[in-house]
């Protein structure tokens, strides 16, 4: 027979392992997702052409590896860069 204490310990260990796995996956995703790679940016540009430059959820779904918030930030920085390059500095 398994004692109640033993069962609780197993349950706690399982929860700790699941929590650690989730934390590790989140840390890996944060590290991995900091910079946009060439394929992600290419998909971003394709999605902007299809869905427009403000439909962040649709763009994120098309890119596949980014959230709508990440897409919004990327779009803001990208369009600011384009504007800076377009307007000659005096």
C-alpha atoms as a PDB file:
ATOM      1  CA  UNK A   1       0.000   0.000   0.000  1.00  0.00           C
ATOM      2  CA  UNK A   2       1.114   3.490  -0.828  1.00  0.00           C
ATOM      3  CA  UNK A   3       0.897   5.873   2.045  1.00  0.00           C
ATOM      4  CA  UNK A   4      -0.879   9.183   1.656  1.00  0.00           C
ATOM      5  CA  UNK A   5       2.365  11.008   2.419  1.00  0.00           C
ATOM      6  CA  UNK A   6       4.165   9.100  -0.346  1.00  0.00           C
ATOM      7  CA  UNK A   7       1.396   9.920  -2.786  1.00  0.00           C
ATOM      8  CA  UNK A   8       1.532  13.615  -1.890  1.00  0.00           C
ATOM      9  CA  UNK A   9       5.317  13.633  -2.321  1.00  0.00           C
ATOM     10  CA  UNK A  10       5.000  12.082  -5.784  1.00  0.00           C
ATOM     11  CA  UNK A  11       2.364  14.620  -6.744  1.00  0.00           C
ATOM     12  CA  UNK A  12       4.540  17.502  -5.510  1.00  0.00           C
ATOM     13  CA  UNK A  13       7.562  16.162  -7.394  1.00  0.00           C
ATOM     14  CA  UNK A  14       5.518  15.889 -10.582  1.00  0.00           C
ATOM     15  CA  UNK A  15       4.236  19.444 -10.186  1.00  0.00           C
ATOM     16  CA  UNK A  16       7.776  20.720  -9.560  1.00  0.00           C
ATOM     17  CA  UNK A  17       9.055  18.963 -12.681  1.00  0.00           C
ATOM     18  CA  UNK A  18       6.193  20.328 -14.796  1.00  0.00           C
ATOM     19  CA  UNK A  19       6.769  23.844 -13.443  1.00  0.00           C
ATOM     20  CA  UNK A  20      10.511  23.624 -14.167  1.00  0.00           C
ATOM     21  CA  UNK A  21       9.789  22.415 -17.711  1.00  0.00           C
ATOM     22  CA  UNK A  22       7.397  25.324 -18.297  1.00  0.00           C
ATOM     23  CA  UNK A  23       9.906  27.845 -16.914  1.00  0.00           C
ATOM     24  CA  UNK A  24      12.679  26.358 -19.049  1.00  0.00           C
ATOM     25  CA  UNK A  25      10.500  26.472 -22.180  1.00  0.00           C
ATOM     26  CA  UNK A  26       9.552  30.094 -21.467  1.00  0.00           C
ATOM     27  CA  UNK A  27      13.192  31.077 -20.960  1.00  0.00           C
ATOM     28  CA  UNK A  28      14.179  29.272 -24.159  1.00  0.00           C
ATOM     29  CA  UNK A  29      11.367  30.991 -26.075  1.00  0.00           C
ATOM     30  CA  UNK A  30      12.381  34.402 -24.724  1.00  0.00           C
ATOM     31  CA  UNK A  31      16.008  33.832 -25.681  1.00  0.00           C
ATOM     32  CA  UNK A  32      15.181  32.314 -29.030  1.00  0.00           C
ATOM     33  CA  UNK A  33      12.643  34.958 -29.943  1.00  0.00           C
ATOM     34  CA  UNK A  34      14.599  38.091 -29.156  1.00  0.00           C
ATOM     35  CA  UNK A  35      15.906  38.608 -32.675  1.00  0.00           C
ATOM     36  CA  UNK A  36      13.948  38.044 -35.867  1.00  0.00           C
ATOM     37  CA  UNK A  37      15.624  35.716 -38.340  1.00  0.00           C
ATOM     38  CA  UNK A  38      15.501  36.189 -42.122  1.00  0.00           C
ATOM     39  CA  UNK A  39      12.687  33.684 -42.653  1.00  0.00           C
ATOM     40  CA  UNK A  40      10.500  35.286 -39.984  1.00  0.00           C
ATOM     41  CA  UNK A  41      11.073  38.734 -41.484  1.00  0.00           C
ATOM     42  CA  UNK A  42      10.286  37.452 -44.985  1.00  0.00           C
ATOM     43  CA  UNK A  43       7.011  35.957 -43.700  1.00  0.00           C
ATOM     44  CA  UNK A  44       6.307  39.230 -41.876  1.00  0.00           C
ATOM     45  CA  UNK A  45       6.658  41.194 -45.122  1.00  0.00           C
ATOM     46  CA  UNK A  46       4.464  38.713 -47.026  1.00  0.00           C
ATOM     47  CA  UNK A  47       1.788  38.904 -44.332  1.00  0.00           C
ATOM     48  CA  UNK A  48       1.868  42.721 -44.319  1.00  0.00           C
ATOM     49  CA  UNK A  49       1.173  42.679 -48.060  1.00  0.00           C
ATOM     50  CA  UNK A  50      -1.757  40.278 -47.608  1.00  0.00           C
ATOM     51  CA  UNK A  51      -3.266  41.446 -44.294  1.00  0.00           C
ATOM     52  CA  UNK A  52      -2.176  45.073 -44.066  1.00  0.00           C
ATOM     53  CA  UNK A  53       0.273  46.656 -41.660  1.00  0.00           C
ATOM     54  CA  UNK A  54      -2.091  46.846 -38.643  1.00  0.00           C
ATOM     55  CA  UNK A  55      -3.558  43.325 -38.478  1.00  0.00           C
ATOM     56  CA  UNK A  56      -1.024  42.024 -35.971  1.00  0.00           C
ATOM     57  CA  UNK A  57      -2.931  38.857 -35.056  1.00  0.00           C
ATOM     58  CA  UNK A  58      -3.174  37.734 -38.673  1.00  0.00           C
ATOM     59  CA  UNK A  59       0.482  38.563 -39.290  1.00  0.00           C
ATOM     60  CA  UNK A  60       1.514  36.641 -36.160  1.00  0.00           C
ATOM     61  CA  UNK A  61      -0.531  33.643 -37.295  1.00  0.00           C
ATOM     62  CA  UNK A  62       1.165  33.758 -40.700  1.00  0.00           C
ATOM     63  CA  UNK A  63       4.675  34.097 -39.247  1.00  0.00           C
ATOM     64  CA  UNK A  64       3.889  31.279 -36.850  1.00  0.00           C
ATOM     65  CA  UNK A  65       6.671  31.810 -34.332  1.00  0.00           C
ATOM     66  CA  UNK A  66       5.736  35.285 -33.037  1.00  0.00           C
ATOM     67  CA  UNK A  67       2.978  36.748 -30.915  1.00  0.00           C
ATOM     68  CA  UNK A  68       0.828  39.674 -31.999  1.00  0.00           C
ATOM     69  CA  UNK A  69       2.689  41.872 -29.509  1.00  0.00           C
ATOM     70  CA  UNK A  70       6.049  40.859 -30.961  1.00  0.00           C
ATOM     71  CA  UNK A  71       4.736  41.538 -34.464  1.00  0.00           C
ATOM     72  CA  UNK A  72       3.478  44.964 -33.417  1.00  0.00           C
ATOM     73  CA  UNK A  73       6.874  45.903 -31.975  1.00  0.00           C
ATOM     74  CA  UNK A  74       8.688  44.574 -35.034  1.00  0.00           C
ATOM     75  CA  UNK A  75       6.339  46.494 -37.331  1.00  0.00           C
ATOM     76  CA  UNK A  76       6.861  49.742 -35.433  1.00  0.00           C
ATOM     77  CA  UNK A  77      10.637  49.421 -35.594  1.00  0.00           C
ATOM     78  CA  UNK A  78      10.633  48.275 -39.209  1.00  0.00           C
ATOM     79  CA  UNK A  79       8.417  51.117 -40.460  1.00  0.00           C
ATOM     80  CA  UNK A  80      10.388  53.683 -38.454  1.00  0.00           C
ATOM     81  CA  UNK A  81      13.566  52.404 -40.109  1.00  0.00           C
ATOM     82  CA  UNK A  82      11.958  52.608 -43.557  1.00  0.00           C
ATOM     83  CA  UNK A  83      10.815  56.180 -42.848  1.00  0.00           C
ATOM     84  CA  UNK A  84      14.300  57.207 -41.650  1.00  0.00           C
ATOM     85  CA  UNK A  85      15.858  55.796 -44.808  1.00  0.00           C
ATOM     86  CA  UNK A  86      13.259  57.426 -47.048  1.00  0.00           C
ATOM     87  CA  UNK A  87      13.614  60.966 -45.664  1.00  0.00           C
ATOM     88  CA  UNK A  88      17.039  62.470 -46.375  1.00  0.00           C
ATOM     89  CA  UNK A  89      18.639  64.055 -43.336  1.00  0.00           C
ATOM     90  CA  UNK A  90      19.619  67.718 -43.612  1.00  0.00           C
END
